[in-house]
Protein backbone atom coordinates (compact mmCIF):
# COMPACT_ATOMS: atom_id res chain seq x y z
CA MET A 1 110.39 157.29 90.66
CA ASP A 2 107.69 154.62 90.70
CA SER A 3 105.66 156.44 93.36
CA ILE A 4 105.83 159.71 91.42
CA LEU A 5 104.79 158.17 88.12
CA GLY A 6 102.11 156.12 89.86
CA ALA A 7 100.18 159.35 90.35
CA SER A 8 99.93 159.76 86.57
CA THR A 9 97.13 157.62 85.17
CA TYR A 10 98.32 157.91 81.58
CA PHE A 11 102.09 157.58 82.02
CA GLY A 12 102.18 154.16 80.36
CA PHE A 13 99.99 155.34 77.49
CA PHE A 14 102.06 158.38 76.55
CA ILE A 15 105.48 156.77 77.06
CA THR A 16 104.44 153.88 74.80
CA VAL A 17 103.14 156.17 72.04
CA ILE A 18 106.21 158.44 72.18
CA ILE A 19 108.67 155.57 72.11
CA PHE A 20 106.83 153.78 69.30
CA LEU A 21 106.74 156.95 67.18
CA GLY A 22 110.44 157.45 67.82
CA CYS A 23 111.24 153.88 66.85
CA THR A 24 109.08 154.20 63.73
CA TRP A 25 111.03 157.33 62.74
CA LEU A 26 114.30 155.44 63.29
CA LYS A 27 113.11 152.55 61.11
CA ASN A 28 112.03 154.88 58.30
CA LYS A 29 115.28 156.82 58.56
CA THR A 30 117.61 153.81 58.46
CA LYS A 31 115.46 151.50 56.26
CA LEU A 32 116.76 148.55 58.32
CA SER A 33 114.21 145.75 58.77
CA ILE A 34 115.92 144.62 61.97
CA LEU A 35 114.85 147.92 63.56
CA ASN A 36 111.19 146.94 63.44
CA PRO A 37 109.29 149.38 65.73
CA LEU A 38 107.56 146.51 67.53
CA LEU A 39 110.92 145.05 68.51
CA THR A 40 112.83 148.24 69.26
CA SER A 41 109.98 149.88 71.21
CA THR A 42 109.53 146.74 73.31
CA ILE A 43 113.24 146.70 74.17
CA ALA A 44 113.24 150.45 74.91
CA ILE A 45 110.22 150.26 77.22
CA ILE A 46 111.66 147.30 79.14
CA ALA A 47 114.96 149.16 79.49
CA ILE A 48 113.21 152.27 80.85
CA LEU A 49 111.23 150.27 83.40
CA LEU A 50 114.39 148.54 84.61
CA ILE A 51 116.64 151.62 84.67
CA PHE A 52 114.16 153.81 86.57
CA ASN A 53 112.88 150.93 88.71
CA ILE A 54 109.28 151.39 87.55
CA LYS A 55 106.89 148.58 88.39
CA TYR A 56 105.07 146.95 85.51
CA ASP A 57 101.70 147.60 87.21
CA THR A 58 102.47 151.32 87.23
CA TYR A 59 103.27 151.24 83.53
CA TYR A 60 100.30 149.04 82.62
CA ASN A 61 97.89 151.28 84.51
CA GLY A 62 98.09 153.69 81.57
CA ALA A 63 99.27 151.42 78.77
CA LYS A 64 96.16 149.23 79.05
CA TYR A 65 94.13 151.92 77.28
CA LEU A 66 96.01 151.18 74.07
CA SER A 67 94.23 147.82 73.91
CA TYR A 68 90.99 149.69 73.18
CA PHE A 69 92.38 150.50 69.74
CA LEU A 70 92.93 146.84 68.80
CA THR A 71 89.39 146.24 67.57
CA PRO A 72 89.07 149.30 65.29
CA THR A 73 92.59 148.70 64.00
CA THR A 74 91.71 145.12 63.10
CA VAL A 75 88.55 146.28 61.36
CA CYS A 76 90.61 148.75 59.31
CA LEU A 77 92.52 145.82 57.85
CA ALA A 78 89.37 145.01 55.87
CA ILE A 79 89.91 148.11 53.73
CA PRO A 80 92.98 146.89 51.76
CA LEU A 81 91.36 143.44 51.60
CA TYR A 82 88.24 144.92 50.00
CA LYS A 83 90.38 146.77 47.46
CA GLN A 84 92.08 143.51 46.46
CA VAL A 85 88.94 141.32 46.44
CA GLU A 86 89.33 140.54 42.72
CA LYS A 87 92.85 139.24 43.23
CA LEU A 88 91.51 137.15 46.10
CA LYS A 89 88.88 135.58 43.83
CA GLN A 90 91.43 134.87 41.11
CA ASN A 91 93.81 133.09 43.49
CA ALA A 92 91.36 131.59 45.99
CA VAL A 93 92.58 127.99 45.73
CA ALA A 94 96.26 128.93 45.89
CA ILE A 95 95.65 131.30 48.82
CA LEU A 96 93.69 128.78 50.90
CA SER A 97 96.20 126.03 50.09
CA GLY A 98 99.09 128.26 51.13
CA ILE A 99 97.48 129.15 54.44
CA LEU A 100 96.63 125.50 55.12
CA ALA A 101 100.23 124.54 54.39
CA GLY A 102 101.41 127.15 56.88
CA CYS A 103 99.06 125.87 59.60
CA VAL A 104 100.11 122.27 59.05
CA ALA A 105 103.80 123.27 59.03
CA ASN A 106 103.35 125.03 62.36
CA ALA A 107 101.80 121.90 63.89
CA VAL A 108 104.53 119.66 62.47
CA VAL A 109 107.26 121.89 63.89
CA ILE A 110 105.68 121.97 67.36
CA VAL A 111 105.18 118.19 67.44
CA THR A 112 108.70 117.52 66.18
CA LEU A 113 110.41 119.88 68.61
CA SER A 114 108.33 118.64 71.53
CA LYS A 115 109.48 115.08 70.87
CA VAL A 116 113.11 116.05 70.22
CA PHE A 117 113.40 118.11 73.42
CA ASN A 118 111.01 115.90 75.39
CA ILE A 119 108.88 118.77 76.67
CA SER A 120 105.65 118.16 78.57
CA ASN A 121 102.35 117.74 76.77
CA GLU A 122 100.95 120.76 78.59
CA LEU A 123 103.76 122.98 77.33
CA ALA A 124 103.50 121.61 73.79
CA ILE A 125 99.76 122.28 73.71
CA SER A 126 100.42 125.83 74.87
CA LEU A 127 102.68 126.38 71.85
CA LEU A 128 100.30 124.99 69.21
CA PRO A 129 98.35 128.24 68.66
CA LYS A 130 101.44 130.50 68.62
CA SER A 131 100.84 131.78 65.08
CA VAL A 132 97.29 133.10 65.52
CA THR A 133 96.00 136.26 67.17
CA THR A 134 95.96 136.36 70.98
CA PRO A 135 92.16 136.06 71.54
CA ILE A 136 91.93 132.95 69.35
CA ALA A 137 95.16 131.53 70.77
CA LEU A 138 93.91 131.90 74.33
CA GLY A 139 90.61 130.25 73.45
CA ILE A 140 92.41 127.27 71.93
CA CYS A 141 94.82 127.06 74.86
CA ASN A 142 92.03 127.06 77.45
CA GLU A 143 90.03 124.48 75.50
CA LEU A 144 93.00 122.10 75.22
CA GLY A 145 94.27 122.62 78.77
CA GLY A 146 97.45 124.56 78.04
CA ILE A 147 99.22 127.30 80.00
CA THR A 148 97.85 130.71 78.97
CA SER A 149 100.94 132.69 80.00
CA ILE A 150 103.13 130.48 77.80
CA THR A 151 100.70 130.88 74.90
CA VAL A 152 100.69 134.68 75.20
CA PHE A 153 104.50 134.76 75.30
CA ALA A 154 104.73 132.45 72.27
CA VAL A 155 102.24 134.54 70.28
CA ILE A 156 104.08 137.78 71.02
CA LEU A 157 107.49 136.26 70.27
CA SER A 158 106.41 134.65 67.00
CA GLY A 159 104.81 137.90 65.92
CA ILE A 160 107.86 140.05 66.60
CA VAL A 161 110.34 137.55 65.14
CA GLY A 162 108.18 137.02 62.05
CA ALA A 163 107.76 140.75 61.48
CA VAL A 164 111.51 141.35 61.77
CA ILE A 165 112.85 138.48 59.64
CA ALA A 166 110.15 138.37 56.93
CA PRO A 167 111.86 140.88 54.58
CA TYR A 168 115.17 139.00 54.92
CA VAL A 169 113.51 135.64 54.25
CA TYR A 170 111.85 136.99 51.11
CA LYS A 171 115.14 138.43 49.92
CA ILE A 172 117.18 135.28 50.59
CA PHE A 173 114.69 132.93 48.94
CA LYS A 174 113.80 135.45 46.20
CA ILE A 175 110.09 135.49 47.06
CA LYS A 176 108.82 138.43 45.03
CA ASN A 177 105.14 137.61 44.54
CA PRO A 178 103.14 140.09 46.69
CA VAL A 179 100.41 137.53 47.42
CA SER A 180 102.96 135.02 48.70
CA GLN A 181 104.68 137.67 50.80
CA GLY A 182 101.42 138.74 52.42
CA LEU A 183 100.26 135.20 53.14
CA GLY A 184 103.62 134.35 54.69
CA CYS A 185 103.44 137.31 57.07
CA GLY A 186 99.83 136.77 58.13
CA THR A 187 100.02 133.00 58.48
CA SER A 188 103.17 132.93 60.59
CA ALA A 189 103.16 136.25 62.44
CA HIS A 190 99.48 137.39 62.68
CA GLY A 191 99.00 141.12 63.39
CA SER A 192 102.68 141.92 63.87
CA GLY A 193 103.49 140.33 60.54
CA THR A 194 100.68 142.28 58.92
CA SER A 195 102.34 145.53 59.96
CA THR A 196 105.40 144.45 57.99
CA ALA A 197 103.24 143.30 55.08
CA LEU A 198 101.58 146.73 54.88
CA GLU A 199 105.02 148.30 54.61
CA LEU A 200 105.78 146.03 51.67
CA GLY A 201 102.63 147.01 49.77
CA GLU A 202 98.85 147.14 49.69
CA ILE A 203 98.46 143.67 48.17
CA GLN A 204 100.76 142.19 50.81
CA GLY A 205 98.77 143.90 53.55
CA ALA A 206 95.44 142.67 52.18
CA MET A 207 96.62 139.07 51.87
CA SER A 208 98.16 139.16 55.33
CA ALA A 209 94.92 140.46 56.83
CA LEU A 210 93.04 137.63 55.14
CA ALA A 211 95.59 135.09 56.37
CA ILE A 212 95.08 136.19 60.00
CA SER A 213 91.40 135.24 59.95
CA VAL A 214 91.73 132.04 57.91
CA THR A 215 94.73 130.86 59.94
CA GLY A 216 92.73 131.33 63.11
CA LEU A 217 89.82 129.28 61.77
CA MET A 218 92.07 126.50 60.48
CA THR A 219 94.07 126.36 63.70
CA VAL A 220 90.86 125.98 65.71
CA VAL A 221 90.26 122.76 63.75
CA ILE A 222 93.85 121.50 63.43
CA ALA A 223 95.05 122.13 67.02
CA PRO A 224 92.57 119.76 68.75
CA ILE A 225 93.30 117.03 66.20
CA VAL A 226 97.05 117.33 66.74
CA SER A 227 96.58 117.50 70.51
CA ASN A 228 94.51 114.31 70.58
CA MET A 229 96.95 112.47 68.29
CA PHE A 230 100.22 113.40 69.97
CA PHE A 231 99.62 114.99 73.39
CA SER A 232 96.70 113.15 74.95
């Protein structure tokens, strides 16, 4: 099967798109947050590769073209942000304070868990930028001397988990303010969380998009400080 599919340059591209669309349909049909397309499509693709004994390189040969859409997709996030610019101005202090609190909380959790479970400094450093987008996370990881593969895994995992549990967290703790919901998604789960925020509403999506950028900038400053204090 792998040799046959290897002849198709775009196998990974089309199988990813088809599965994601199918998982999106399932999510919209059931209205269950746990069936987040990012989670279910990831599981489905892994299952297909394992069942049909398809090598990851064969799949990635076509799937890699999807990464070309990351930049324009990110730029599109500026549209809902522009539409909500007045709300941003009105709540600037609260928004920046909330994002800063999220960044600090992330650092505190990593430091605490690293000490409790006695993990190596290198591994702890690799986990510090887990809540920012992959390009920024990799830059921080390389600068601090972490393990890039661990950082990538942590970023992906935090994004998927955040996107899936965010609606449940808001429901349990009765968080109804759209600004708070958006900031929570963007600060803790970057782009994946923003996809959930956009489903919740335009304000949530705009605030989450803002949180992605600001969280990245704050983490660039906070991560080296935390690394020098606790992991040097």
